[in-house]
Amino acid sequence: MIMQDGIKKGREEGKREGREEGKREGREEGKREGKEEGKREGREEGKREGREEATGCINQLNIILIGQNRFDDVKRASEDHAYQQKLIRELLPEESRRKY
């Protein structure tokens, strides 16, 4: 009887410890997965925001150039990134340039 009680208590204790260990491992795995998912979402959000800012900056440049009847510069800037950057530095306010 004593041996059976010991075995029963040992099993119960083992199950309890196993459950606790399983919960800890599950939480740790959940945290890792959550962090990875958060990083992935953050990168996508950052890319989207960057594209929106760049688009807005280029649109501002185009509005200025069109307003000055500089259609050849609009065309060239759309084909030559370095020239586009030069015009952005020259024509856009500094706070607009920082975003791009």
C-alpha atoms as a PDB file:
ATOM      1  CA  MET A   1       0.000   0.000   0.000  1.00  0.00           C
ATOM      2  CA  ILE A   2       2.722   2.467   0.925  1.00  0.00           C
ATOM      3  CA  MET A   3       4.515   1.805  -2.362  1.00  0.00           C
ATOM      4  CA  GLN A   4       1.321   2.348  -4.358  1.00  0.00           C
ATOM      5  CA  ASP A   5       0.644   5.601  -2.494  1.00  0.00           C
ATOM      6  CA  GLY A   6       4.196   6.723  -3.271  1.00  0.00           C
ATOM      7  CA  ILE A   7       3.784   5.870  -6.943  1.00  0.00           C
ATOM      8  CA  LYS A   8       0.429   7.682  -7.070  1.00  0.00           C
ATOM      9  CA  LYS A   9       1.868  10.781  -5.379  1.00  0.00           C
ATOM     10  CA  GLY A  10       4.899  10.652  -7.661  1.00  0.00           C
ATOM     11  CA  ARG A  11       2.680  10.529 -10.766  1.00  0.00           C
ATOM     12  CA  GLU A  12       0.547  13.428  -9.528  1.00  0.00           C
ATOM     13  CA  GLU A  13       3.635  15.472  -8.751  1.00  0.00           C
ATOM     14  CA  GLY A  14       5.140  14.582 -12.132  1.00  0.00           C
ATOM     15  CA  LYS A  15       1.939  15.604 -13.946  1.00  0.00           C
ATOM     16  CA  ARG A  16       1.805  18.883 -12.024  1.00  0.00           C
ATOM     17  CA  GLU A  17       5.448  19.647 -12.794  1.00  0.00           C
ATOM     18  CA  GLY A  18       4.920  18.609 -16.411  1.00  0.00           C
ATOM     19  CA  ARG A  19       1.924  20.915 -16.770  1.00  0.00           C
ATOM     20  CA  GLU A  20       3.835  23.835 -15.248  1.00  0.00           C
ATOM     21  CA  GLU A  21       6.831  23.174 -17.491  1.00  0.00           C
ATOM     22  CA  GLY A  22       4.528  22.876 -20.503  1.00  0.00           C
ATOM     23  CA  LYS A  23       2.856  26.187 -19.642  1.00  0.00           C
ATOM     24  CA  ARG A  24       6.253  27.903 -19.306  1.00  0.00           C
ATOM     25  CA  GLU A  25       7.433  26.498 -22.616  1.00  0.00           C
ATOM     26  CA  GLY A  26       4.144  27.478 -24.257  1.00  0.00           C
ATOM     27  CA  ARG A  27       4.403  31.044 -22.961  1.00  0.00           C
ATOM     28  CA  GLU A  28       8.010  31.337 -24.139  1.00  0.00           C
ATOM     29  CA  GLU A  29       7.128  29.974 -27.568  1.00  0.00           C
ATOM     30  CA  GLY A  30       4.130  32.329 -27.749  1.00  0.00           C
ATOM     31  CA  LYS A  31       6.341  35.296 -26.869  1.00  0.00           C
ATOM     32  CA  ARG A  32       8.866  34.343 -29.577  1.00  0.00           C
ATOM     33  CA  GLU A  33       6.135  33.955 -32.162  1.00  0.00           C
ATOM     34  CA  GLY A  34       4.524  37.224 -31.044  1.00  0.00           C
ATOM     35  CA  LYS A  35       7.815  39.109 -31.309  1.00  0.00           C
ATOM     36  CA  GLU A  36       8.481  37.745 -34.784  1.00  0.00           C
ATOM     37  CA  GLU A  37       4.978  38.620 -35.913  1.00  0.00           C
ATOM     38  CA  GLY A  38       5.344  42.108 -34.415  1.00  0.00           C
ATOM     39  CA  LYS A  39       8.666  42.653 -36.188  1.00  0.00           C
ATOM     40  CA  ARG A  40       7.181  41.499 -39.474  1.00  0.00           C
ATOM     41  CA  GLU A  41       4.194  43.806 -39.076  1.00  0.00           C
ATOM     42  CA  GLY A  42       6.464  46.692 -38.046  1.00  0.00           C
ATOM     43  CA  ARG A  43       8.670  46.242 -41.113  1.00  0.00           C
ATOM     44  CA  GLU A  44       5.648  46.181 -43.405  1.00  0.00           C
ATOM     45  CA  GLU A  45       4.176  49.256 -41.739  1.00  0.00           C
ATOM     46  CA  GLY A  46       7.522  51.066 -42.015  1.00  0.00           C
ATOM     47  CA  LYS A  47       7.831  50.207 -45.694  1.00  0.00           C
ATOM     48  CA  ARG A  48       4.294  51.421 -46.352  1.00  0.00           C
ATOM     49  CA  GLU A  49       4.911  54.685 -44.508  1.00  0.00           C
ATOM     50  CA  GLY A  50       8.199  55.169 -46.357  1.00  0.00           C
ATOM     51  CA  ARG A  51       6.511  54.674 -49.721  1.00  0.00           C
ATOM     52  CA  GLU A  52       3.763  57.126 -48.777  1.00  0.00           C
ATOM     53  CA  GLU A  53       6.297  59.743 -47.680  1.00  0.00           C
ATOM     54  CA  ALA A  54       8.399  59.281 -50.809  1.00  0.00           C
ATOM     55  CA  THR A  55       5.318  59.548 -53.009  1.00  0.00           C
ATOM     56  CA  GLY A  56       4.257  62.726 -51.223  1.00  0.00           C
ATOM     57  CA  CYS A  57       7.718  64.222 -51.634  1.00  0.00           C
ATOM     58  CA  ILE A  58       7.838  63.445 -55.354  1.00  0.00           C
ATOM     59  CA  ASN A  59       4.318  64.812 -55.781  1.00  0.00           C
ATOM     60  CA  GLN A  60       5.375  68.044 -54.064  1.00  0.00           C
ATOM     61  CA  LEU A  61       8.356  68.315 -56.401  1.00  0.00           C
ATOM     62  CA  ASN A  62       6.166  67.731 -59.452  1.00  0.00           C
ATOM     63  CA  ILE A  63       3.657  70.381 -58.323  1.00  0.00           C
ATOM     64  CA  ILE A  64       6.458  72.929 -57.937  1.00  0.00           C
ATOM     65  CA  LEU A  65       8.033  72.070 -61.296  1.00  0.00           C
ATOM     66  CA  ILE A  66       4.690  72.124 -63.128  1.00  0.00           C
ATOM     67  CA  GLY A  67       3.817  75.438 -61.470  1.00  0.00           C
ATOM     68  CA  GLN A  68       7.074  76.815 -62.890  1.00  0.00           C
ATOM     69  CA  ASN A  69       6.360  75.282 -66.336  1.00  0.00           C
ATOM     70  CA  ARG A  70       9.478  73.099 -66.000  1.00  0.00           C
ATOM     71  CA  PHE A  71       8.032  70.098 -67.801  1.00  0.00           C
ATOM     72  CA  ASP A  72      11.411  68.945 -69.112  1.00  0.00           C
ATOM     73  CA  ASP A  73      12.645  68.769 -65.505  1.00  0.00           C
ATOM     74  CA  VAL A  74       9.587  66.696 -64.503  1.00  0.00           C
ATOM     75  CA  LYS A  75      10.414  64.241 -67.280  1.00  0.00           C
ATOM     76  CA  ARG A  76      14.136  64.136 -66.485  1.00  0.00           C
ATOM     77  CA  ALA A  77      13.521  63.760 -62.724  1.00  0.00           C
ATOM     78  CA  SER A  78      11.225  60.813 -63.400  1.00  0.00           C
ATOM     79  CA  GLU A  79      14.001  59.089 -65.342  1.00  0.00           C
ATOM     80  CA  ASP A  80      17.086  60.172 -63.357  1.00  0.00           C
ATOM     81  CA  HIS A  81      16.992  59.531 -59.608  1.00  0.00           C
ATOM     82  CA  ALA A  82      20.130  61.580 -58.890  1.00  0.00           C
ATOM     83  CA  TYR A  83      18.649  64.577 -60.706  1.00  0.00           C
ATOM     84  CA  GLN A  84      15.388  64.098 -58.833  1.00  0.00           C
ATOM     85  CA  GLN A  85      17.302  64.173 -55.519  1.00  0.00           C
ATOM     86  CA  LYS A  86      19.116  67.340 -56.609  1.00  0.00           C
ATOM     87  CA  LEU A  87      15.809  69.077 -57.386  1.00  0.00           C
ATOM     88  CA  ILE A  88      14.303  67.912 -54.093  1.00  0.00           C
ATOM     89  CA  ARG A  89      17.231  69.409 -52.170  1.00  0.00           C
ATOM     90  CA  GLU A  90      16.936  72.655 -54.136  1.00  0.00           C
ATOM     91  CA  LEU A  91      13.176  73.162 -54.189  1.00  0.00           C
ATOM     92  CA  LEU A  92      11.513  71.461 -51.235  1.00  0.00           C
ATOM     93  CA  PRO A  93      11.469  72.818 -47.688  1.00  0.00           C
ATOM     94  CA  GLU A  94      13.890  71.024 -45.381  1.00  0.00           C
ATOM     95  CA  GLU A  95      11.135  69.348 -43.309  1.00  0.00           C
ATOM     96  CA  SER A  96       9.776  67.735 -46.488  1.00  0.00           C
ATOM     97  CA  ARG A  97      13.231  66.562 -47.536  1.00  0.00           C
ATOM     98  CA  ARG A  98      13.915  64.811 -44.217  1.00  0.00           C
ATOM     99  CA  LYS A  99      11.068  62.407 -44.853  1.00  0.00           C
ATOM    100  CA  TYR A 100      12.498  61.362 -48.197  1.00  0.00           C
END
